[in-house]
Amino acid sequence: MQSPLFAHNDSQTQERWSLQSKQMLRVTLEGHDDILARKGTMVAYQGLMEFDAEYQSNNQGRSRAHTGEGLDLMRCHGQGTVYLANLAQHIHVVDVEQDGLTVDSSYVLAMDSGLHHEVIAVDSLYGISGSGKYQLNITGRGRVALMTSGAPLMMQVTPDKYVNCDADAIVAWSTGLRVQMQAQTHTSGVWRRRGNTGEGWELSFMGSGYALIQPSELLPPQNAQIGQGAAAQFGMGQHGARAQNQGNAWG
């Protein structure tokens, strides 16, 4: 059999974490180095591999119910190679060190099992769709695979050069950054996107670190009817665009 498809064969590398393609992650396990991956993202594997649902403590369950942030994880262990992907999103491997990484849990594909993750509060006056009041903080030493819709932009933040990002486009940032969420609008229009510009909520980053932005906003078109009622249309509440668009499927 002959086909150009054979140009997409298994990549040969000694790296434990590597990209098979822009949309597929390849992780090699040797029996003592488990990883945690988003449930349902395994697309193939070779070798003797097992996949088990990761235990979620009562505190984690209550935190997720209250904040909407958290991870549904499976533990991948054994000896072999596992391939992970989700909705053909672009995948990026990040080394997490002492600085820590703050991320919307919707964009986490996999991580080393030794990393610690917990829900933290982000400075915010209002809980709206996109990056809202709560985020996931990942600390320790290890690697995390993040997902974006398209090729992202990594922006450096310095004390004399802060960065403003659309709250619906931000994916992750250095935990040490100071963050403030704001709406560039008058109080009377705070529950709608400002004027006729189509722009709304922003996150302002100050300090020293990096902010990762994707070329796609979390929300669907403004007049799309998602869920139920006005709150859903404008991205708020359990029927809002955020709840209905896990994984940024509209990207």
C-alpha atoms as a PDB file:
ATOM      1  CA  MET A   1       0.000   0.000   0.000  1.00  0.00           C
ATOM      2  CA  GLN A   2       1.247   3.478  -0.884  1.00  0.00           C
ATOM      3  CA  SER A   3      -0.043   6.863   0.212  1.00  0.00           C
ATOM      4  CA  PRO A   4       1.200  10.318   1.294  1.00  0.00           C
ATOM      5  CA  LEU A   5      -0.320   9.346   4.653  1.00  0.00           C
ATOM      6  CA  PHE A   6       2.882   7.431   5.440  1.00  0.00           C
ATOM      7  CA  ALA A   7       4.605  10.780   5.871  1.00  0.00           C
ATOM      8  CA  HIS A   8       2.637  11.041   9.142  1.00  0.00           C
ATOM      9  CA  ASN A   9       4.128   7.953  10.795  1.00  0.00           C
ATOM     10  CA  ASP A  10       5.240   7.664  14.418  1.00  0.00           C
ATOM     11  CA  SER A  11       7.871  10.265  15.311  1.00  0.00           C
ATOM     12  CA  GLN A  12      11.213   8.946  16.572  1.00  0.00           C
ATOM     13  CA  THR A  13      12.522  10.833  19.589  1.00  0.00           C
ATOM     14  CA  GLN A  14      14.182  10.204  22.934  1.00  0.00           C
ATOM     15  CA  GLU A  15      12.113  12.926  24.602  1.00  0.00           C
ATOM     16  CA  ARG A  16       9.540  11.769  27.134  1.00  0.00           C
ATOM     17  CA  TRP A  17       7.105  14.533  26.091  1.00  0.00           C
ATOM     18  CA  SER A  18       7.002  15.433  22.394  1.00  0.00           C
ATOM     19  CA  LEU A  19       4.564  16.530  19.716  1.00  0.00           C
ATOM     20  CA  GLN A  20       3.565  13.968  17.142  1.00  0.00           C
ATOM     21  CA  SER A  21       1.998  16.892  15.287  1.00  0.00           C
ATOM     22  CA  LYS A  22       0.666  20.329  16.214  1.00  0.00           C
ATOM     23  CA  GLN A  23      -2.562  18.677  17.356  1.00  0.00           C
ATOM     24  CA  MET A  24      -1.293  15.445  18.941  1.00  0.00           C
ATOM     25  CA  LEU A  25       0.849  14.842  22.029  1.00  0.00           C
ATOM     26  CA  ARG A  26       3.168  11.856  22.392  1.00  0.00           C
ATOM     27  CA  VAL A  27       4.275  10.754  25.886  1.00  0.00           C
ATOM     28  CA  THR A  28       6.598   7.820  26.609  1.00  0.00           C
ATOM     29  CA  LEU A  29       6.170   6.066  29.972  1.00  0.00           C
ATOM     30  CA  GLU A  30       8.612   3.658  31.617  1.00  0.00           C
ATOM     31  CA  GLY A  31       6.508   2.249  34.446  1.00  0.00           C
ATOM     32  CA  HIS A  32       7.429   4.698  37.218  1.00  0.00           C
ATOM     33  CA  ASP A  33       6.419   8.053  35.735  1.00  0.00           C
ATOM     34  CA  ASP A  34       2.625   8.332  35.571  1.00  0.00           C
ATOM     35  CA  ILE A  35       0.916  11.256  33.911  1.00  0.00           C
ATOM     36  CA  LEU A  36      -2.543  12.721  34.428  1.00  0.00           C
ATOM     37  CA  ALA A  37      -4.559  13.427  31.286  1.00  0.00           C
ATOM     38  CA  ARG A  38      -7.978  14.867  30.558  1.00  0.00           C
ATOM     39  CA  LYS A  39     -10.532  12.068  30.470  1.00  0.00           C
ATOM     40  CA  GLY A  40     -11.307  10.769  26.995  1.00  0.00           C
ATOM     41  CA  THR A  41      -8.280  12.335  25.245  1.00  0.00           C
ATOM     42  CA  MET A  42      -6.345   9.123  24.544  1.00  0.00           C
ATOM     43  CA  VAL A  43      -6.438   8.488  20.782  1.00  0.00           C
ATOM     44  CA  ALA A  44      -3.874   5.647  20.577  1.00  0.00           C
ATOM     45  CA  TYR A  45      -1.180   3.841  22.555  1.00  0.00           C
ATOM     46  CA  GLN A  46       1.502   1.194  22.204  1.00  0.00           C
ATOM     47  CA  GLY A  47       2.812  -1.140  24.895  1.00  0.00           C
ATOM     48  CA  LEU A  48       1.369  -2.207  28.227  1.00  0.00           C
ATOM     49  CA  MET A  49      -0.674   0.797  29.313  1.00  0.00           C
ATOM     50  CA  GLU A  50      -3.496   1.247  31.814  1.00  0.00           C
ATOM     51  CA  PHE A  51      -5.932   4.131  32.277  1.00  0.00           C
ATOM     52  CA  ASP A  52      -7.684   4.727  35.587  1.00  0.00           C
ATOM     53  CA  ALA A  53     -10.006   7.502  36.735  1.00  0.00           C
ATOM     54  CA  GLU A  54      -8.141   9.833  39.081  1.00  0.00           C
ATOM     55  CA  TYR A  55      -9.521  10.118  42.610  1.00  0.00           C
ATOM     56  CA  GLN A  56     -11.104  13.467  43.444  1.00  0.00           C
ATOM     57  CA  SER A  57     -11.206  14.456  47.118  1.00  0.00           C
ATOM     58  CA  ASN A  58     -14.312  15.887  48.774  1.00  0.00           C
ATOM     59  CA  ASN A  59     -12.636  19.290  48.960  1.00  0.00           C
ATOM     60  CA  GLN A  60     -11.854  19.187  45.231  1.00  0.00           C
ATOM     61  CA  GLY A  61     -15.425  18.191  44.444  1.00  0.00           C
ATOM     62  CA  ARG A  62     -16.894  20.990  46.555  1.00  0.00           C
ATOM     63  CA  SER A  63     -14.443  23.494  45.103  1.00  0.00           C
ATOM     64  CA  ARG A  64     -15.386  22.560  41.553  1.00  0.00           C
ATOM     65  CA  ALA A  65     -19.106  22.732  42.312  1.00  0.00           C
ATOM     66  CA  HIS A  66     -18.667  26.214  43.780  1.00  0.00           C
ATOM     67  CA  THR A  67     -16.228  27.721  41.263  1.00  0.00           C
ATOM     68  CA  GLY A  68     -16.748  25.805  38.009  1.00  0.00           C
ATOM     69  CA  GLU A  69     -12.982  25.194  37.843  1.00  0.00           C
ATOM     70  CA  GLY A  70     -11.346  21.768  38.095  1.00  0.00           C
ATOM     71  CA  LEU A  71     -10.115  18.842  36.082  1.00  0.00           C
ATOM     72  CA  ASP A  72     -11.666  15.502  35.105  1.00  0.00           C
ATOM     73  CA  LEU A  73      -8.500  13.416  34.949  1.00  0.00           C
ATOM     74  CA  MET A  74      -7.417   9.894  34.209  1.00  0.00           C
ATOM     75  CA  ARG A  75      -4.102   8.395  35.312  1.00  0.00           C
ATOM     76  CA  CYS A  76      -1.996   6.918  32.505  1.00  0.00           C
ATOM     77  CA  HIS A  77       0.603   4.407  33.680  1.00  0.00           C
ATOM     78  CA  GLY A  78       2.583   1.459  32.395  1.00  0.00           C
ATOM     79  CA  GLN A  79       5.329   0.973  29.839  1.00  0.00           C
ATOM     80  CA  GLY A  80       4.833   2.289  26.342  1.00  0.00           C
ATOM     81  CA  THR A  81       3.729   5.334  24.404  1.00  0.00           C
ATOM     82  CA  VAL A  82       0.403   7.141  24.668  1.00  0.00           C
ATOM     83  CA  TYR A  83      -0.989   9.660  22.177  1.00  0.00           C
ATOM     84  CA  LEU A  84      -3.345  12.386  23.397  1.00  0.00           C
ATOM     85  CA  ALA A  85      -5.481  14.910  21.490  1.00  0.00           C
ATOM     86  CA  ASN A  86      -8.658  16.952  21.950  1.00  0.00           C
ATOM     87  CA  LEU A  87     -10.818  18.487  19.198  1.00  0.00           C
ATOM     88  CA  ALA A  88      -7.732  18.944  16.978  1.00  0.00           C
ATOM     89  CA  GLN A  89      -6.603  21.851  19.140  1.00  0.00           C
ATOM     90  CA  HIS A  90      -2.984  23.007  18.991  1.00  0.00           C
ATOM     91  CA  ILE A  91      -0.893  21.545  21.822  1.00  0.00           C
ATOM     92  CA  HIS A  92       2.002  23.188  23.659  1.00  0.00           C
ATOM     93  CA  VAL A  93       4.290  21.621  26.274  1.00  0.00           C
ATOM     94  CA  VAL A  94       5.254  23.926  29.148  1.00  0.00           C
ATOM     95  CA  ASP A  95       7.891  23.338  31.842  1.00  0.00           C
ATOM     96  CA  VAL A  96       6.443  24.381  35.183  1.00  0.00           C
ATOM     97  CA  GLU A  97       9.020  25.485  37.724  1.00  0.00           C
ATOM     98  CA  GLN A  98       8.898  27.368  40.997  1.00  0.00           C
ATOM     99  CA  ASP A  99       7.085  30.329  39.421  1.00  0.00           C
ATOM    100  CA  GLY A 100       3.942  28.284  38.923  1.00  0.00           C
ATOM    101  CA  LEU A 101       1.322  28.480  36.173  1.00  0.00           C
ATOM    102  CA  THR A 102      -2.223  29.838  36.371  1.00  0.00           C
ATOM    103  CA  VAL A 103      -4.530  28.470  33.687  1.00  0.00           C
ATOM    104  CA  ASP A 104      -8.154  28.022  32.742  1.00  0.00           C
ATOM    105  CA  SER A 105      -8.768  24.307  33.356  1.00  0.00           C
ATOM    106  CA  SER A 106     -10.512  24.025  29.957  1.00  0.00           C
ATOM    107  CA  TYR A 107      -7.113  24.337  28.268  1.00  0.00           C
ATOM    108  CA  VAL A 108      -5.220  21.620  30.190  1.00  0.00           C
ATOM    109  CA  LEU A 109      -4.619  18.402  28.251  1.00  0.00           C
ATOM    110  CA  ALA A 110      -2.135  16.535  30.486  1.00  0.00           C
ATOM    111  CA  MET A 111       0.434  17.010  33.244  1.00  0.00           C
ATOM    112  CA  ASP A 112       3.058  15.136  35.224  1.00  0.00           C
ATOM    113  CA  SER A 113       1.410  13.409  38.170  1.00  0.00           C
ATOM    114  CA  GLY A 114       3.835  15.023  40.630  1.00  0.00           C
ATOM    115  CA  LEU A 115       2.503  18.520  39.967  1.00  0.00           C
ATOM    116  CA  HIS A 116       0.048  20.063  42.428  1.00  0.00           C
ATOM    117  CA  HIS A 117      -3.100  21.824  41.233  1.00  0.00           C
ATOM    118  CA  GLU A 118      -5.707  23.808  43.134  1.00  0.00           C
ATOM    119  CA  VAL A 119      -8.432  26.358  42.406  1.00  0.00           C
ATOM    120  CA  ILE A 120      -7.576  29.953  43.294  1.00  0.00           C
ATOM    121  CA  ALA A 121      -9.515  33.217  43.189  1.00  0.00           C
ATOM    122  CA  VAL A 122      -8.550  35.852  40.625  1.00  0.00           C
ATOM    123  CA  ASP A 123      -9.242  39.534  41.251  1.00  0.00           C
ATOM    124  CA  SER A 124     -12.622  40.079  39.619  1.00  0.00           C
ATOM    125  CA  LEU A 125     -15.672  42.210  40.268  1.00  0.00           C
ATOM    126  CA  TYR A 126     -17.988  40.030  38.248  1.00  0.00           C
ATOM    127  CA  GLY A 127     -18.184  36.327  37.373  1.00  0.00           C
ATOM    128  CA  ILE A 128     -18.617  36.396  33.593  1.00  0.00           C
ATOM    129  CA  SER A 129     -17.813  33.951  30.808  1.00  0.00           C
ATOM    130  CA  GLY A 130     -14.222  33.513  29.686  1.00  0.00           C
ATOM    131  CA  SER A 131     -11.494  33.818  32.304  1.00  0.00           C
ATOM    132  CA  GLY A 132     -13.534  34.669  35.339  1.00  0.00           C
ATOM    133  CA  LYS A 133     -13.209  34.809  39.094  1.00  0.00           C
ATOM    134  CA  TYR A 134     -11.551  31.416  39.598  1.00  0.00           C
ATOM    135  CA  GLN A 135      -8.657  29.709  37.841  1.00  0.00           C
ATOM    136  CA  LEU A 136      -6.449  26.649  38.278  1.00  0.00           C
ATOM    137  CA  ASN A 137      -3.022  27.139  39.835  1.00  0.00           C
ATOM    138  CA  ILE A 138      -0.390  24.510  38.965  1.00  0.00           C
ATOM    139  CA  THR A 139       2.805  24.356  41.034  1.00  0.00           C
ATOM    140  CA  GLY A 140       5.824  22.112  41.460  1.00  0.00           C
ATOM    141  CA  ARG A 141       8.309  20.847  38.903  1.00  0.00           C
ATOM    142  CA  GLY A 142       7.148  19.033  35.807  1.00  0.00           C
ATOM    143  CA  ARG A 143       5.471  19.443  32.450  1.00  0.00           C
ATOM    144  CA  VAL A 144       1.994  20.505  31.429  1.00  0.00           C
ATOM    145  CA  ALA A 145       0.434  20.192  27.971  1.00  0.00           C
ATOM    146  CA  LEU A 146      -1.860  23.132  27.154  1.00  0.00           C
ATOM    147  CA  MET A 147      -4.335  23.454  24.282  1.00  0.00           C
ATOM    148  CA  THR A 148      -5.173  26.485  22.142  1.00  0.00           C
ATOM    149  CA  SER A 149      -7.423  27.073  19.156  1.00  0.00           C
ATOM    150  CA  GLY A 150      -4.775  28.007  16.590  1.00  0.00           C
ATOM    151  CA  ALA A 151      -1.203  29.220  17.034  1.00  0.00           C
ATOM    152  CA  PRO A 152      -0.995  31.349  20.216  1.00  0.00           C
ATOM    153  CA  LEU A 153       0.806  34.535  21.177  1.00  0.00           C
ATOM    154  CA  MET A 154       3.179  34.560  24.170  1.00  0.00           C
ATOM    155  CA  MET A 155       3.470  38.072  25.595  1.00  0.00           C
ATOM    156  CA  GLN A 156       6.132  39.115  28.090  1.00  0.00           C
ATOM    157  CA  VAL A 157       5.076  41.248  31.043  1.00  0.00           C
ATOM    158  CA  THR A 158       7.627  43.517  32.703  1.00  0.00           C
ATOM    159  CA  PRO A 159       7.334  46.103  35.512  1.00  0.00           C
ATOM    160  CA  ASP A 160       7.418  48.926  32.958  1.00  0.00           C
ATOM    161  CA  LYS A 161       5.291  47.168  30.306  1.00  0.00           C
ATOM    162  CA  TYR A 162       2.034  45.636  31.488  1.00  0.00           C
ATOM    163  CA  VAL A 163      -0.281  43.677  29.214  1.00  0.00           C
ATOM    164  CA  ASN A 164      -4.058  43.773  28.735  1.00  0.00           C
ATOM    165  CA  CYS A 165      -5.796  40.709  27.297  1.00  0.00           C
ATOM    166  CA  ASP A 166      -9.322  39.873  26.272  1.00  0.00           C
ATOM    167  CA  ALA A 167     -10.703  37.709  29.068  1.00  0.00           C
ATOM    168  CA  ASP A 168     -12.141  35.316  26.478  1.00  0.00           C
ATOM    169  CA  ALA A 169      -8.788  34.788  24.716  1.00  0.00           C
ATOM    170  CA  ILE A 170      -6.353  34.371  27.629  1.00  0.00           C
ATOM    171  CA  VAL A 171      -5.215  30.792  28.239  1.00  0.00           C
ATOM    172  CA  ALA A 172      -2.564  30.933  30.983  1.00  0.00           C
ATOM    173  CA  TRP A 173      -0.099  33.209  32.742  1.00  0.00           C
ATOM    174  CA  SER A 174       2.784  33.184  35.223  1.00  0.00           C
ATOM    175  CA  THR A 175       1.357  32.797  38.722  1.00  0.00           C
ATOM    176  CA  GLY A 176       3.534  35.601  40.102  1.00  0.00           C
ATOM    177  CA  LEU A 177       1.834  38.252  37.973  1.00  0.00           C
ATOM    178  CA  ARG A 178      -0.637  40.652  39.546  1.00  0.00           C
ATOM    179  CA  VAL A 179      -3.994  40.357  37.821  1.00  0.00           C
ATOM    180  CA  GLN A 180      -6.988  42.662  37.686  1.00  0.00           C
ATOM    181  CA  MET A 181     -10.189  41.991  35.758  1.00  0.00           C
ATOM    182  CA  GLN A 182     -12.001  45.014  34.384  1.00  0.00           C
ATOM    183  CA  ALA A 183     -14.697  46.034  31.925  1.00  0.00           C
ATOM    184  CA  GLN A 184     -13.941  49.116  29.822  1.00  0.00           C
ATOM    185  CA  THR A 185     -17.507  50.369  29.958  1.00  0.00           C
ATOM    186  CA  HIS A 186     -19.824  52.488  32.039  1.00  0.00           C
ATOM    187  CA  THR A 187     -21.514  50.901  35.030  1.00  0.00           C
ATOM    188  CA  SER A 188     -24.894  50.993  33.286  1.00  0.00           C
ATOM    189  CA  GLY A 189     -23.553  48.749  30.540  1.00  0.00           C
ATOM    190  CA  VAL A 190     -21.466  46.367  32.597  1.00  0.00           C
ATOM    191  CA  TRP A 191     -23.557  43.297  31.714  1.00  0.00           C
ATOM    192  CA  ARG A 192     -23.138  43.722  27.995  1.00  0.00           C
ATOM    193  CA  ARG A 193     -20.194  44.074  25.662  1.00  0.00           C
ATOM    194  CA  ARG A 194     -19.180  47.723  25.436  1.00  0.00           C
ATOM    195  CA  GLY A 195     -20.841  49.880  22.805  1.00  0.00           C
ATOM    196  CA  ASN A 196     -20.685  48.495  19.292  1.00  0.00           C
ATOM    197  CA  THR A 197     -16.976  47.536  19.363  1.00  0.00           C
ATOM    198  CA  GLY A 198     -17.604  43.909  20.267  1.00  0.00           C
ATOM    199  CA  GLU A 199     -15.037  44.155  23.066  1.00  0.00           C
ATOM    200  CA  GLY A 200     -15.796  43.380  26.694  1.00  0.00           C
ATOM    201  CA  TRP A 201     -13.935  42.086  29.712  1.00  0.00           C
ATOM    202  CA  GLU A 202     -10.173  42.404  30.047  1.00  0.00           C
ATOM    203  CA  LEU A 203      -7.475  41.025  32.300  1.00  0.00           C
ATOM    204  CA  SER A 204      -4.657  43.410  33.129  1.00  0.00           C
ATOM    205  CA  PHE A 205      -1.292  41.784  34.011  1.00  0.00           C
ATOM    206  CA  MET A 206       1.447  43.571  35.947  1.00  0.00           C
ATOM    207  CA  GLY A 207       4.832  42.444  37.274  1.00  0.00           C
ATOM    208  CA  SER A 208       7.321  40.054  35.651  1.00  0.00           C
ATOM    209  CA  GLY A 209       6.260  36.982  33.693  1.00  0.00           C
ATOM    210  CA  TYR A 210       4.343  35.836  30.635  1.00  0.00           C
ATOM    211  CA  ALA A 211       0.761  35.669  29.374  1.00  0.00           C
ATOM    212  CA  LEU A 212      -0.409  33.143  26.761  1.00  0.00           C
ATOM    213  CA  ILE A 213      -3.199  34.256  24.390  1.00  0.00           C
ATOM    214  CA  GLN A 214      -4.982  32.215  21.726  1.00  0.00           C
ATOM    215  CA  PRO A 215      -6.324  33.613  18.421  1.00  0.00           C
ATOM    216  CA  SER A 216      -9.887  32.674  19.305  1.00  0.00           C
ATOM    217  CA  GLU A 217     -12.398  33.921  21.854  1.00  0.00           C
ATOM    218  CA  LEU A 218     -14.293  31.555  24.091  1.00  0.00           C
ATOM    219  CA  LEU A 219     -17.702  33.021  23.366  1.00  0.00           C
ATOM    220  CA  PRO A 220     -19.789  32.091  20.296  1.00  0.00           C
ATOM    221  CA  PRO A 221     -21.247  34.891  18.118  1.00  0.00           C
ATOM    222  CA  GLN A 222     -22.939  37.466  20.321  1.00  0.00           C
ATOM    223  CA  ASN A 223     -26.486  36.753  19.193  1.00  0.00           C
ATOM    224  CA  ALA A 224     -26.202  32.971  19.429  1.00  0.00           C
ATOM    225  CA  GLN A 225     -28.785  31.463  21.757  1.00  0.00           C
ATOM    226  CA  ILE A 226     -26.934  29.172  24.150  1.00  0.00           C
ATOM    227  CA  GLY A 227     -28.721  27.500  27.034  1.00  0.00           C
ATOM    228  CA  GLN A 228     -31.657  29.338  28.564  1.00  0.00           C
ATOM    229  CA  GLY A 229     -32.575  32.978  29.118  1.00  0.00           C
ATOM    230  CA  ALA A 230     -30.703  36.258  28.901  1.00  0.00           C
ATOM    231  CA  ALA A 231     -28.025  35.099  31.343  1.00  0.00           C
ATOM    232  CA  ALA A 232     -27.125  32.273  28.986  1.00  0.00           C
ATOM    233  CA  GLN A 233     -27.020  34.547  25.951  1.00  0.00           C
ATOM    234  CA  PHE A 234     -24.488  36.826  27.655  1.00  0.00           C
ATOM    235  CA  GLY A 235     -22.350  34.013  29.005  1.00  0.00           C
ATOM    236  CA  MET A 236     -23.389  34.002  32.658  1.00  0.00           C
ATOM    237  CA  GLY A 237     -24.521  31.228  34.950  1.00  0.00           C
ATOM    238  CA  GLN A 238     -24.634  27.452  34.589  1.00  0.00           C
ATOM    239  CA  HIS A 239     -26.344  27.690  31.170  1.00  0.00           C
ATOM    240  CA  GLY A 240     -23.904  30.265  29.828  1.00  0.00           C
ATOM    241  CA  ALA A 241     -21.454  29.983  26.974  1.00  0.00           C
ATOM    242  CA  ARG A 242     -18.647  29.037  29.334  1.00  0.00           C
ATOM    243  CA  ALA A 243     -20.551  26.009  30.644  1.00  0.00           C
ATOM    244  CA  GLN A 244     -21.704  24.993  27.156  1.00  0.00           C
ATOM    245  CA  ASN A 245     -18.316  25.385  25.486  1.00  0.00           C
ATOM    246  CA  GLN A 246     -15.892  23.242  27.452  1.00  0.00           C
ATOM    247  CA  GLY A 247     -12.716  22.840  25.420  1.00  0.00           C
ATOM    248  CA  ASN A 248     -13.460  25.893  23.268  1.00  0.00           C
ATOM    249  CA  ALA A 249     -15.287  23.914  20.588  1.00  0.00           C
ATOM    250  CA  TRP A 250     -16.309  27.116  18.794  1.00  0.00           C
ATOM    251  CA  GLY A 251     -12.637  27.940  18.105  1.00  0.00           C
END
